[in-house]
C-alpha cells in the first residue's frame, strides 16, 4: 500500500440523508404533510441542522394522524 502525506481532509458535506434532501428542496415557509412519526423525525432533523421547524397535527379524511412541518429558517 502506498502511504501519502499532505492531502487535506475535505469538509463534511450535509444533505445526503432523506430528510436533509427534502429540507434542501424546501424554501423558508414551505410545509410538508407526513405521517405523524415521520413528521416528528423530520422536524428533529431540521432542528439538529440549525433550522427552526414548526409543526401542527392534522387528520386525513380516513382518520390517519399526520403532521404538517414547516421550514421556518435558521435559528
N, C-alpha and C. Protein backbone atom coordinates (compact mmCIF):
# COMPACT_ATOMS: atom_id res chain seq x y z
N UNK A 1 0.83 -1.18 0.00
CA UNK A 1 0.00 0.00 0.00
C UNK A 1 0.88 1.24 0.00
N UNK A 2 0.42 2.23 -0.71
CA UNK A 2 1.16 3.48 -0.82
C UNK A 2 0.68 4.45 0.26
N UNK A 3 1.59 5.00 1.05
CA UNK A 3 1.27 5.98 2.08
C UNK A 3 1.47 7.36 1.48
N UNK A 4 0.45 8.22 1.63
CA UNK A 4 0.52 9.56 1.07
C UNK A 4 0.41 10.59 2.19
N UNK A 5 1.13 11.68 2.06
CA UNK A 5 1.12 12.76 3.04
C UNK A 5 0.71 14.06 2.37
N UNK A 6 0.21 14.99 3.18
CA UNK A 6 -0.10 16.33 2.67
C UNK A 6 -1.42 16.44 1.94
N UNK A 7 -2.28 15.44 2.03
CA UNK A 7 -3.59 15.50 1.38
C UNK A 7 -4.59 16.03 2.40
N UNK A 8 -5.23 17.20 2.12
CA UNK A 8 -6.15 17.78 3.09
C UNK A 8 -7.43 16.95 3.23
N UNK A 9 -7.98 16.98 4.43
CA UNK A 9 -9.24 16.29 4.71
C UNK A 9 -10.37 17.19 4.20
N UNK A 10 -11.25 16.69 3.33
CA UNK A 10 -12.34 17.53 2.84
C UNK A 10 -13.37 17.80 3.94
N UNK A 11 -14.07 18.92 3.82
CA UNK A 11 -15.14 19.24 4.77
C UNK A 11 -16.24 18.20 4.66
N UNK A 12 -16.92 17.99 5.79
CA UNK A 12 -18.08 17.10 5.76
C UNK A 12 -19.19 17.77 4.99
N UNK A 13 -19.86 16.99 4.21
CA UNK A 13 -20.97 17.52 3.45
C UNK A 13 -22.27 17.07 4.09
N UNK A 14 -23.19 18.02 4.26
CA UNK A 14 -24.50 17.69 4.78
C UNK A 14 -25.46 17.55 3.61
N UNK A 15 -26.49 16.78 3.81
CA UNK A 15 -27.52 16.73 2.81
C UNK A 15 -27.69 15.41 2.11
N UNK A 16 -27.14 14.33 2.64
CA UNK A 16 -27.27 13.05 1.98
C UNK A 16 -28.37 12.17 2.56
N UNK A 17 -28.87 12.48 3.74
CA UNK A 17 -29.97 11.72 4.31
C UNK A 17 -31.28 12.13 3.67
N UNK A 18 -32.30 11.31 3.78
CA UNK A 18 -33.56 11.62 3.09
C UNK A 18 -34.19 12.89 3.63
N UNK A 19 -34.03 13.17 4.93
CA UNK A 19 -34.62 14.39 5.49
C UNK A 19 -33.84 15.62 5.05
N UNK A 20 -32.53 15.51 4.94
CA UNK A 20 -31.73 16.65 4.50
C UNK A 20 -32.01 16.97 3.03
N UNK A 21 -32.20 15.93 2.22
CA UNK A 21 -32.53 16.15 0.81
C UNK A 21 -33.87 16.88 0.71
N UNK A 22 -34.86 16.46 1.50
CA UNK A 22 -36.16 17.12 1.50
C UNK A 22 -36.03 18.56 1.98
N UNK A 23 -35.30 18.79 3.06
CA UNK A 23 -35.12 20.14 3.60
C UNK A 23 -34.43 21.05 2.59
N UNK A 24 -33.47 20.53 1.85
CA UNK A 24 -32.76 21.34 0.86
C UNK A 24 -33.66 21.76 -0.30
N UNK A 25 -34.71 20.98 -0.57
CA UNK A 25 -35.65 21.32 -1.64
C UNK A 25 -36.67 22.37 -1.20
N UNK A 26 -36.83 22.55 0.10
CA UNK A 26 -37.85 23.45 0.64
C UNK A 26 -37.29 24.86 0.84
N UNK A 27 -38.13 25.86 0.61
CA UNK A 27 -37.83 27.24 0.94
C UNK A 27 -38.39 27.54 2.32
N UNK A 28 -37.92 28.61 2.94
CA UNK A 28 -38.48 29.02 4.23
C UNK A 28 -39.96 29.32 4.05
N UNK A 29 -40.78 28.80 4.94
CA UNK A 29 -42.22 28.97 4.88
C UNK A 29 -42.94 27.83 4.18
N UNK A 30 -42.22 26.95 3.48
CA UNK A 30 -42.83 25.79 2.83
C UNK A 30 -43.15 24.74 3.88
N UNK A 31 -44.16 23.92 3.59
CA UNK A 31 -44.53 22.85 4.52
C UNK A 31 -44.68 21.55 3.78
N UNK A 32 -44.67 20.47 4.55
CA UNK A 32 -44.87 19.13 4.02
C UNK A 32 -45.74 18.37 5.01
N UNK A 33 -46.65 17.55 4.49
CA UNK A 33 -47.53 16.74 5.32
C UNK A 33 -47.03 15.31 5.30
N UNK A 34 -46.67 14.80 6.49
CA UNK A 34 -46.10 13.46 6.61
C UNK A 34 -46.88 12.66 7.66
N UNK A 35 -46.80 11.32 7.58
CA UNK A 35 -47.33 10.53 8.69
C UNK A 35 -46.71 11.01 10.00
N UNK A 36 -47.46 10.96 11.08
CA UNK A 36 -47.10 11.62 12.32
C UNK A 36 -45.67 11.38 12.77
N UNK A 37 -45.25 10.13 12.90
CA UNK A 37 -43.92 9.86 13.45
C UNK A 37 -42.80 10.19 12.45
N UNK A 38 -43.08 10.10 11.16
CA UNK A 38 -42.10 10.55 10.18
C UNK A 38 -41.95 12.07 10.24
N UNK A 39 -43.06 12.75 10.48
CA UNK A 39 -43.02 14.20 10.64
C UNK A 39 -42.21 14.61 11.85
N UNK A 40 -42.35 13.86 12.95
CA UNK A 40 -41.55 14.14 14.15
C UNK A 40 -40.07 13.95 13.85
N UNK A 41 -39.74 12.90 13.10
CA UNK A 41 -38.36 12.63 12.73
C UNK A 41 -37.81 13.74 11.85
N UNK A 42 -38.60 14.19 10.90
CA UNK A 42 -38.18 15.27 10.00
C UNK A 42 -37.96 16.56 10.78
N UNK A 43 -38.87 16.89 11.68
CA UNK A 43 -38.73 18.11 12.50
C UNK A 43 -37.47 18.03 13.36
N UNK A 44 -37.19 16.88 13.93
CA UNK A 44 -35.98 16.71 14.74
C UNK A 44 -34.73 16.88 13.90
N UNK A 45 -34.76 16.37 12.69
CA UNK A 45 -33.62 16.51 11.79
C UNK A 45 -33.39 17.97 11.42
N UNK A 46 -34.47 18.70 11.13
CA UNK A 46 -34.34 20.13 10.85
C UNK A 46 -33.68 20.85 12.02
N UNK A 47 -34.19 20.60 13.21
CA UNK A 47 -33.67 21.26 14.41
C UNK A 47 -32.20 20.93 14.62
N UNK A 48 -31.83 19.68 14.41
CA UNK A 48 -30.43 19.25 14.59
C UNK A 48 -29.49 19.92 13.60
N UNK A 49 -30.02 20.37 12.47
CA UNK A 49 -29.20 21.04 11.45
C UNK A 49 -29.35 22.56 11.50
N UNK A 50 -29.88 23.09 12.60
CA UNK A 50 -29.95 24.53 12.78
C UNK A 50 -31.10 25.22 12.08
N UNK A 51 -32.14 24.48 11.73
CA UNK A 51 -33.30 25.05 11.06
C UNK A 51 -34.50 24.94 12.01
N UNK A 52 -35.22 26.04 12.16
CA UNK A 52 -36.37 26.07 13.07
C UNK A 52 -37.59 25.45 12.39
N UNK A 53 -38.10 24.33 12.92
CA UNK A 53 -39.34 23.77 12.38
C UNK A 53 -40.55 24.26 13.18
N UNK A 54 -41.70 24.25 12.54
CA UNK A 54 -42.98 24.47 13.22
C UNK A 54 -43.90 23.35 12.77
N UNK A 55 -44.61 22.74 13.71
CA UNK A 55 -45.43 21.55 13.42
C UNK A 55 -46.86 21.73 13.90
N UNK A 56 -47.79 21.15 13.14
CA UNK A 56 -49.19 21.07 13.55
C UNK A 56 -49.73 19.71 13.15
N UNK A 57 -50.48 19.14 14.07
CA UNK A 57 -51.09 17.83 13.83
C UNK A 57 -52.35 18.01 12.98
N UNK A 58 -52.56 17.11 12.04
CA UNK A 58 -53.76 17.10 11.21
C UNK A 58 -54.25 15.66 11.07
N UNK A 59 -55.48 15.51 10.66
CA UNK A 59 -56.04 14.19 10.39
C UNK A 59 -56.56 14.14 8.97
N UNK A 60 -56.33 13.02 8.30
CA UNK A 60 -56.86 12.83 6.96
C UNK A 60 -58.34 12.48 7.06
N UNK A 61 -59.02 12.42 5.92
CA UNK A 61 -60.45 12.09 5.91
C UNK A 61 -60.73 10.70 6.47
N UNK A 62 -59.75 9.79 6.33
CA UNK A 62 -59.96 8.44 6.85
C UNK A 62 -59.46 8.29 8.29
N UNK A 63 -59.09 9.40 8.94
CA UNK A 63 -58.73 9.37 10.36
C UNK A 63 -57.27 9.13 10.66
N UNK A 64 -56.42 9.11 9.65
CA UNK A 64 -55.00 8.88 9.87
C UNK A 64 -54.35 10.15 10.44
N UNK A 65 -53.57 9.99 11.50
CA UNK A 65 -52.90 11.12 12.14
C UNK A 65 -51.66 11.51 11.34
N UNK A 66 -51.57 12.78 10.98
CA UNK A 66 -50.49 13.30 10.17
C UNK A 66 -49.87 14.50 10.88
N UNK A 67 -48.70 14.90 10.42
CA UNK A 67 -48.03 16.07 10.99
C UNK A 67 -47.57 16.95 9.84
N UNK A 68 -48.02 18.20 9.86
CA UNK A 68 -47.54 19.17 8.88
C UNK A 68 -46.34 19.88 9.49
N UNK A 69 -45.23 19.92 8.75
CA UNK A 69 -43.99 20.52 9.24
C UNK A 69 -43.60 21.65 8.30
N UNK A 70 -43.40 22.84 8.88
CA UNK A 70 -42.94 24.00 8.14
C UNK A 70 -41.46 24.22 8.39
N UNK A 71 -40.76 24.62 7.35
CA UNK A 71 -39.36 25.02 7.48
C UNK A 71 -39.37 26.54 7.65
N UNK A 72 -38.95 27.01 8.84
CA UNK A 72 -39.08 28.42 9.17
C UNK A 72 -37.79 29.22 9.01
N UNK A 73 -36.69 28.58 8.77
CA UNK A 73 -35.41 29.30 8.64
C UNK A 73 -34.46 28.93 9.75
N UNK A 74 -33.26 29.46 9.67
CA UNK A 74 -32.24 29.14 10.66
C UNK A 74 -32.52 29.84 11.98
N UNK A 75 -32.12 29.21 13.07
CA UNK A 75 -32.29 29.84 14.39
C UNK A 75 -30.99 30.29 14.94
